[in-house]
Structures are given as C-alpha cells and as structure tokens.
Amino acid sequence: MTKKMKVAEYLAHRLDVSEKTQKEIAAEAGYTRANFLSMIRKGDSKIPIAAAPRLAKALDISPKHLTRLVMQEYHPEIWEVLESTFSLSVTENEAVLIEHLREKTWNTDPIFNEAFLAKFDRLLAKEGMV
C-alpha cells in the first residue's frame, strides 16, 4: 500500500522548497507569528480550514489541493459528504484515474510538463484510446 502524505509532512516539504522565508509565508497567509507554521509542520497544530486557501497561495500551490488535503485528514466524514454531494463533472472511469494518481503521488498534486503529457498521449494512442 502506498503511503499517504500527511498535511504536516506536505506543509514541511512545501516550506522547505519555497524560496520565501517562513516569516514571509506566514505574513502572506495572514498569520501574525511564523512559529504557527512550525507548530503545523510538527503536527502540534492544524491548519484552520478557512486559512488553507490563503496559506496555499502564500506557498504558491493550489488552494483547492491544500484545502482537499486538510479536509480529508482533519474532517474525513465531512469531506466524504461534500465530495459525494458536490462532485466535479468527472465520470466514474475518470475518477479511478484521478484516485490512482493521487495514491501514487502521495497526494502531492504533481505538475505535468509537456514531455510527460506527450508520453501520456503516446500511451493512450498505444492502448487505442485516442
């Protein structure tokens, strides 16, 4: 089974790869103290759901992605209801691919470059899907 990255691990990674200081990120996200991010990183505090989009923007990541991770980990029952009630216009077959992608990438919301997409296109063609 593939490990699912925890919100604290994901935040730690994003803080580590950011070109901004933790103080700059905290200020952009609306936190008055940068040590709150350290507490989240350690797992001592949780990201308030209302703050997830602001924090994501400060980290230059998708607000939807971070909010989804926060909801899945902190409020799984609520997330399940919201997801099943307000699902995107995705077919069941597309949902299988998305869930597989999330599992294999540890829910990291990978960025796909042109070379990757070209390989994906060739795979689809080889399988007779395009």
N, C-alpha and C. Protein backbone atom coordinates (compact mmCIF):
# COMPACT_ATOMS: atom_id res chain seq x y z
N MET A 1 0.84 -1.19 0.00
CA MET A 1 0.00 0.00 0.00
C MET A 1 0.88 1.25 0.00
N THR A 2 0.50 2.23 -0.77
CA THR A 2 1.25 3.46 -0.88
C THR A 2 0.94 4.36 0.31
N LYS A 3 1.98 4.97 0.85
CA LYS A 3 1.83 5.88 1.97
C LYS A 3 1.12 7.14 1.51
N LYS A 4 0.21 7.65 2.32
CA LYS A 4 -0.46 8.90 2.03
C LYS A 4 0.20 9.99 2.86
N MET A 5 0.67 11.03 2.21
CA MET A 5 1.37 12.10 2.89
C MET A 5 0.42 12.86 3.80
N LYS A 6 0.83 13.06 5.03
CA LYS A 6 0.04 13.84 5.99
C LYS A 6 0.17 15.32 5.67
N VAL A 7 -0.80 16.11 6.12
CA VAL A 7 -0.79 17.54 5.89
C VAL A 7 0.50 18.15 6.46
N ALA A 8 0.90 17.74 7.66
CA ALA A 8 2.11 18.28 8.27
C ALA A 8 3.34 17.97 7.41
N GLU A 9 3.42 16.77 6.86
CA GLU A 9 4.55 16.39 6.00
C GLU A 9 4.55 17.21 4.72
N TYR A 10 3.36 17.37 4.15
CA TYR A 10 3.23 18.13 2.91
C TYR A 10 3.62 19.59 3.15
N LEU A 11 3.14 20.16 4.25
CA LEU A 11 3.48 21.54 4.57
C LEU A 11 4.98 21.67 4.79
N ALA A 12 5.58 20.74 5.52
CA ALA A 12 7.03 20.78 5.76
C ALA A 12 7.79 20.77 4.43
N HIS A 13 7.36 19.90 3.54
CA HIS A 13 8.02 19.83 2.22
C HIS A 13 7.88 21.15 1.48
N ARG A 14 6.68 21.70 1.44
CA ARG A 14 6.44 22.94 0.70
C ARG A 14 7.21 24.10 1.33
N LEU A 15 7.32 24.13 2.64
CA LEU A 15 8.12 25.17 3.30
C LEU A 15 9.59 25.02 2.94
N ASP A 16 10.07 23.78 2.91
CA ASP A 16 11.48 23.51 2.60
C ASP A 16 11.86 23.91 1.18
N VAL A 17 10.94 23.72 0.23
CA VAL A 17 11.26 24.01 -1.18
C VAL A 17 10.91 25.44 -1.58
N SER A 18 10.24 26.16 -0.70
CA SER A 18 9.86 27.53 -1.03
C SER A 18 11.08 28.45 -1.00
N GLU A 19 11.06 29.41 -1.90
CA GLU A 19 12.13 30.41 -1.92
C GLU A 19 11.86 31.52 -0.90
N LYS A 20 10.67 31.51 -0.32
CA LYS A 20 10.30 32.51 0.68
C LYS A 20 10.70 32.02 2.07
N THR A 21 10.88 32.97 2.98
CA THR A 21 11.14 32.59 4.37
C THR A 21 9.82 32.19 5.02
N GLN A 22 9.93 31.48 6.12
CA GLN A 22 8.73 31.08 6.84
C GLN A 22 7.98 32.32 7.33
N LYS A 23 8.73 33.35 7.69
CA LYS A 23 8.12 34.60 8.16
C LYS A 23 7.33 35.26 7.02
N GLU A 24 7.88 35.26 5.81
CA GLU A 24 7.18 35.83 4.66
C GLU A 24 5.91 35.05 4.34
N ILE A 25 6.01 33.73 4.38
CA ILE A 25 4.84 32.88 4.10
C ILE A 25 3.76 33.12 5.14
N ALA A 26 4.16 33.17 6.40
CA ALA A 26 3.20 33.40 7.48
C ALA A 26 2.48 34.73 7.29
N ALA A 27 3.25 35.77 6.96
CA ALA A 27 2.64 37.10 6.76
C ALA A 27 1.67 37.09 5.60
N GLU A 28 2.05 36.47 4.48
CA GLU A 28 1.17 36.39 3.31
C GLU A 28 -0.10 35.60 3.61
N ALA A 29 0.02 34.61 4.48
CA ALA A 29 -1.13 33.77 4.82
C ALA A 29 -2.00 34.40 5.90
N GLY A 30 -1.55 35.52 6.47
CA GLY A 30 -2.35 36.22 7.47
C GLY A 30 -2.05 35.82 8.90
N TYR A 31 -0.96 35.11 9.12
CA TYR A 31 -0.56 34.74 10.48
C TYR A 31 0.36 35.83 11.03
N THR A 32 0.16 36.20 12.27
CA THR A 32 1.00 37.23 12.88
C THR A 32 2.32 36.65 13.38
N ARG A 33 2.37 35.34 13.57
CA ARG A 33 3.59 34.70 14.06
C ARG A 33 3.98 33.53 13.16
N ALA A 34 5.24 33.52 12.75
CA ALA A 34 5.75 32.46 11.88
C ALA A 34 5.83 31.13 12.61
N ASN A 35 5.91 31.17 13.94
CA ASN A 35 6.04 29.91 14.68
C ASN A 35 4.77 29.04 14.58
N PHE A 36 3.65 29.64 14.16
CA PHE A 36 2.44 28.83 13.96
C PHE A 36 2.68 27.81 12.85
N LEU A 37 3.43 28.21 11.82
CA LEU A 37 3.76 27.27 10.74
C LEU A 37 4.65 26.14 11.27
N SER A 38 5.55 26.47 12.17
CA SER A 38 6.40 25.43 12.78
C SER A 38 5.55 24.45 13.57
N MET A 39 4.54 24.94 14.25
CA MET A 39 3.65 24.07 15.02
C MET A 39 2.86 23.14 14.09
N ILE A 40 2.43 23.67 12.95
CA ILE A 40 1.71 22.84 11.97
C ILE A 40 2.67 21.80 11.39
N ARG A 41 3.87 22.24 11.05
CA ARG A 41 4.90 21.35 10.47
C ARG A 41 5.15 20.15 11.39
N LYS A 42 5.21 20.40 12.69
CA LYS A 42 5.48 19.34 13.66
C LYS A 42 4.24 18.49 13.95
N GLY A 43 3.09 18.96 13.52
CA GLY A 43 1.86 18.23 13.80
C GLY A 43 1.24 18.63 15.12
N ASP A 44 1.76 19.70 15.75
CA ASP A 44 1.24 20.18 17.03
C ASP A 44 -0.02 21.02 16.86
N SER A 45 -0.22 21.58 15.68
CA SER A 45 -1.41 22.37 15.37
C SER A 45 -1.91 21.97 13.99
N LYS A 46 -3.15 22.31 13.74
CA LYS A 46 -3.75 22.02 12.43
C LYS A 46 -3.97 23.33 11.68
N ILE A 47 -3.99 23.22 10.37
CA ILE A 47 -4.30 24.38 9.54
C ILE A 47 -5.80 24.64 9.66
N PRO A 48 -6.21 25.82 10.10
CA PRO A 48 -7.64 26.11 10.12
C PRO A 48 -8.18 26.05 8.69
N ILE A 49 -9.30 25.41 8.50
CA ILE A 49 -9.83 25.19 7.16
C ILE A 49 -10.01 26.51 6.42
N ALA A 50 -10.44 27.56 7.11
CA ALA A 50 -10.63 28.85 6.44
C ALA A 50 -9.32 29.48 6.01
N ALA A 51 -8.22 29.07 6.62
CA ALA A 51 -6.91 29.63 6.29
C ALA A 51 -6.19 28.84 5.20
N ALA A 52 -6.66 27.65 4.88
CA ALA A 52 -5.98 26.79 3.90
C ALA A 52 -5.79 27.48 2.55
N PRO A 53 -6.80 28.13 1.97
CA PRO A 53 -6.58 28.79 0.67
C PRO A 53 -5.53 29.90 0.74
N ARG A 54 -5.54 30.70 1.81
CA ARG A 54 -4.54 31.77 1.94
C ARG A 54 -3.13 31.19 2.08
N LEU A 55 -3.00 30.14 2.88
CA LEU A 55 -1.70 29.51 3.07
C LEU A 55 -1.21 28.90 1.76
N ALA A 56 -2.11 28.28 1.02
CA ALA A 56 -1.74 27.69 -0.27
C ALA A 56 -1.21 28.76 -1.22
N LYS A 57 -1.89 29.88 -1.30
CA LYS A 57 -1.44 30.96 -2.17
C LYS A 57 -0.07 31.47 -1.74
N ALA A 58 0.16 31.58 -0.44
CA ALA A 58 1.46 32.04 0.06
C ALA A 58 2.56 31.04 -0.28
N LEU A 59 2.20 29.76 -0.36
CA LEU A 59 3.16 28.70 -0.70
C LEU A 59 3.25 28.46 -2.21
N ASP A 60 2.47 29.19 -2.98
CA ASP A 60 2.44 29.03 -4.44
C ASP A 60 2.00 27.63 -4.86
N ILE A 61 0.98 27.13 -4.17
CA ILE A 61 0.40 25.83 -4.52
C ILE A 61 -1.11 26.01 -4.72
N SER A 62 -1.76 24.98 -5.21
CA SER A 62 -3.18 25.04 -5.49
C SER A 62 -4.00 25.14 -4.20
N PRO A 63 -4.81 26.19 -4.04
CA PRO A 63 -5.69 26.28 -2.88
C PRO A 63 -6.66 25.10 -2.79
N LYS A 64 -7.14 24.65 -3.94
CA LYS A 64 -8.05 23.50 -3.94
C LYS A 64 -7.35 22.25 -3.41
N HIS A 65 -6.10 22.06 -3.83
CA HIS A 65 -5.37 20.88 -3.41
C HIS A 65 -5.14 20.89 -1.90
N LEU A 66 -4.62 21.99 -1.35
CA LEU A 66 -4.36 22.04 0.09
C LEU A 66 -5.64 21.92 0.89
N THR A 67 -6.69 22.59 0.45
CA THR A 67 -7.97 22.51 1.16
C THR A 67 -8.50 21.07 1.15
N ARG A 68 -8.36 20.39 0.01
CA ARG A 68 -8.78 18.99 -0.05
C ARG A 68 -7.99 18.13 0.92
N LEU A 69 -6.67 18.32 0.96
CA LEU A 69 -5.84 17.54 1.89
C LEU A 69 -6.23 17.79 3.34
N VAL A 70 -6.45 19.06 3.67
CA VAL A 70 -6.85 19.42 5.04
C VAL A 70 -8.18 18.77 5.39
N MET A 71 -9.14 18.87 4.50
CA MET A 71 -10.45 18.27 4.77
C MET A 71 -10.37 16.76 4.87
N GLN A 72 -9.62 16.12 3.98
CA GLN A 72 -9.51 14.65 4.01
C GLN A 72 -8.90 14.16 5.32
N GLU A 73 -7.90 14.87 5.82
CA GLU A 73 -7.23 14.43 7.03
C GLU A 73 -7.95 14.86 8.30
N TYR A 74 -8.37 16.10 8.38
CA TYR A 74 -8.93 16.64 9.62
C TYR A 74 -10.43 16.37 9.77
N HIS A 75 -11.14 16.32 8.65
CA HIS A 75 -12.60 16.17 8.68
C HIS A 75 -13.05 15.16 7.62
N PRO A 76 -12.60 13.91 7.72
CA PRO A 76 -12.89 12.94 6.65
C PRO A 76 -14.37 12.68 6.41
N GLU A 77 -15.18 12.68 7.47
CA GLU A 77 -16.61 12.41 7.28
C GLU A 77 -17.28 13.56 6.53
N ILE A 78 -16.93 14.77 6.90
CA ILE A 78 -17.50 15.94 6.22
C ILE A 78 -17.02 15.96 4.77
N TRP A 79 -15.74 15.68 4.55
CA TRP A 79 -15.20 15.67 3.19
C TRP A 79 -15.93 14.65 2.33
N GLU A 80 -16.19 13.46 2.88
CA GLU A 80 -16.87 12.42 2.12
C GLU A 80 -18.25 12.88 1.67
N VAL A 81 -18.98 13.55 2.57
CA VAL A 81 -20.31 14.06 2.22
C VAL A 81 -20.20 15.14 1.15
N LEU A 82 -19.27 16.08 1.35
CA LEU A 82 -19.12 17.17 0.37
C LEU A 82 -18.70 16.63 -0.99
N GLU A 83 -17.75 15.71 -0.98
CA GLU A 83 -17.26 15.16 -2.24
C GLU A 83 -18.35 14.41 -2.99
N SER A 84 -19.13 13.62 -2.27
CA SER A 84 -20.17 12.85 -2.95
C SER A 84 -21.35 13.73 -3.36
N THR A 85 -21.59 14.79 -2.64
CA THR A 85 -22.71 15.67 -2.95
C THR A 85 -22.35 16.70 -4.03
N PHE A 86 -21.16 17.25 -3.94
CA PHE A 86 -20.76 18.32 -4.86
C PHE A 86 -19.62 17.88 -5.77
N SER A 87 -19.69 16.67 -6.26
CA SER A 87 -18.59 16.15 -7.07
C SER A 87 -18.43 16.95 -8.36
N LEU A 88 -17.22 16.91 -8.87
CA LEU A 88 -16.94 17.56 -10.14
C LEU A 88 -17.62 16.78 -11.26
N SER A 89 -17.64 17.33 -12.43
CA SER A 89 -18.17 16.62 -13.58
C SER A 89 -17.12 15.65 -14.08
N VAL A 90 -16.93 14.60 -13.33
CA VAL A 90 -15.94 13.57 -13.64
C VAL A 90 -16.67 12.25 -13.71
N THR A 91 -16.41 11.48 -14.76
CA THR A 91 -17.05 10.17 -14.87
C THR A 91 -16.43 9.22 -13.84
N GLU A 92 -17.08 8.10 -13.62
CA GLU A 92 -16.54 7.10 -12.70
C GLU A 92 -15.18 6.60 -13.19
N ASN A 93 -15.03 6.43 -14.50
CA ASN A 93 -13.76 5.98 -15.05
C ASN A 93 -12.66 7.02 -14.85
N GLU A 94 -12.98 8.30 -15.04
CA GLU A 94 -12.01 9.36 -14.80
C GLU A 94 -11.64 9.42 -13.33
N ALA A 95 -12.60 9.21 -12.46
CA ALA A 95 -12.35 9.24 -11.02
C ALA A 95 -11.36 8.15 -10.61
N VAL A 96 -11.43 6.98 -11.27
CA VAL A 96 -10.47 5.90 -10.98
C VAL A 96 -9.06 6.37 -11.29
N LEU A 97 -8.87 7.03 -12.42
CA LEU A 97 -7.56 7.53 -12.81
C LEU A 97 -7.06 8.59 -11.82
N ILE A 98 -7.94 9.49 -11.44
CA ILE A 98 -7.56 10.56 -10.50
C ILE A 98 -7.17 9.96 -9.15
N GLU A 99 -7.95 9.03 -8.64
CA GLU A 99 -7.63 8.42 -7.35
C GLU A 99 -6.31 7.66 -7.42
N HIS A 100 -6.08 6.97 -8.53
CA HIS A 100 -4.82 6.24 -8.71
C HIS A 100 -3.65 7.22 -8.73
N LEU A 101 -3.80 8.31 -9.45
CA LEU A 101 -2.76 9.34 -9.50
C LEU A 101 -2.48 9.89 -8.11
N ARG A 102 -3.51 10.20 -7.36
CA ARG A 102 -3.32 10.74 -6.01
C ARG A 102 -2.60 9.74 -5.11
N GLU A 103 -2.96 8.48 -5.22
CA GLU A 103 -2.32 7.45 -4.40
C GLU A 103 -0.84 7.31 -4.75
N LYS A 104 -0.55 7.23 -6.03
CA LYS A 104 0.83 7.00 -6.48
C LYS A 104 1.74 8.20 -6.24
N THR A 105 1.17 9.40 -6.17
CA THR A 105 1.99 10.60 -5.97
C THR A 105 1.90 11.11 -4.54
N TRP A 106 1.37 10.32 -3.65
CA TRP A 106 1.23 10.67 -2.23
C TRP A 106 0.43 11.95 -2.04
N ASN A 107 -0.53 12.18 -2.93
CA ASN A 107 -1.39 13.36 -2.82
C ASN A 107 -0.61 14.66 -2.91
N THR A 108 0.41 14.70 -3.76
CA THR A 108 1.27 15.89 -3.83
C THR A 108 0.89 16.86 -4.94
N ASP A 109 -0.14 16.58 -5.70
CA ASP A 109 -0.59 17.46 -6.78
C ASP A 109 0.56 17.77 -7.74
N PRO A 110 1.06 16.74 -8.43
CA PRO A 110 2.23 16.94 -9.30
C PRO A 110 1.91 17.84 -10.49
N ILE A 111 2.95 18.49 -10.97
CA ILE A 111 2.84 19.32 -12.16
C ILE A 111 3.31 18.47 -13.34
N PHE A 112 2.54 18.45 -14.41
CA PHE A 112 2.88 17.64 -15.58
C PHE A 112 3.45 18.54 -16.67
N ASN A 113 4.69 18.29 -17.05
CA ASN A 113 5.31 19.08 -18.11
C ASN A 113 4.92 18.51 -19.48
N GLU A 114 5.31 19.21 -20.53
CA GLU A 114 4.95 18.81 -21.89
C GLU A 114 5.49 17.42 -22.24
N ALA A 115 6.71 17.11 -21.78
CA ALA A 115 7.29 15.80 -22.09
C ALA A 115 6.46 14.68 -21.48
N PHE A 116 6.02 14.87 -20.25
CA PHE A 116 5.19 13.86 -19.60
C PHE A 116 3.86 13.70 -20.35
N LEU A 117 3.24 14.82 -20.68
CA LEU A 117 1.95 14.76 -21.37
C LEU A 117 2.08 14.10 -22.74
N ALA A 118 3.21 14.31 -23.42
CA ALA A 118 3.44 13.65 -24.71
C ALA A 118 3.55 12.14 -24.52
N LYS A 119 4.24 11.70 -23.47
CA LYS A 119 4.33 10.26 -23.17
C LYS A 119 2.95 9.70 -22.85
N PHE A 120 2.16 10.45 -22.10
CA PHE A 120 0.82 10.02 -21.76
C PHE A 120 -0.03 9.88 -23.02
N ASP A 121 0.10 10.85 -23.92
CA ASP A 121 -0.63 10.80 -25.19
C ASP A 121 -0.25 9.55 -25.98
N ARG A 122 1.06 9.22 -26.01
CA ARG A 122 1.52 8.03 -26.74
C ARG A 122 0.95 6.76 -26.10
N LEU A 123 0.90 6.73 -24.77
CA LEU A 123 0.33 5.57 -24.08
C LEU A 123 -1.15 5.41 -24.44
N LEU A 124 -1.88 6.50 -24.42
CA LEU A 124 -3.29 6.44 -24.78
C LEU A 124 -3.48 5.96 -26.23
N ALA A 125 -2.64 6.46 -27.12
CA ALA A 125 -2.70 6.04 -28.53
C ALA A 125 -2.38 4.56 -28.65
N LYS A 126 -1.35 4.10 -27.95
CA LYS A 126 -0.96 2.69 -28.00
C LYS A 126 -2.08 1.79 -27.51
N GLU A 127 -2.82 2.26 -26.52
CA GLU A 127 -3.93 1.48 -25.97
C GLU A 127 -5.21 1.66 -26.78
N GLY A 128 -5.15 2.46 -27.85
CA GLY A 128 -6.30 2.67 -28.72
C GLY A 128 -7.37 3.55 -28.10
N MET A 129 -6.97 4.43 -27.20
CA MET A 129 -7.95 5.28 -26.51
C MET A 129 -8.11 6.64 -27.18
N VAL A 130 -7.23 6.95 -28.12
CA VAL A 130 -7.37 8.25 -28.83
C VAL A 130 -7.27 8.00 -30.32
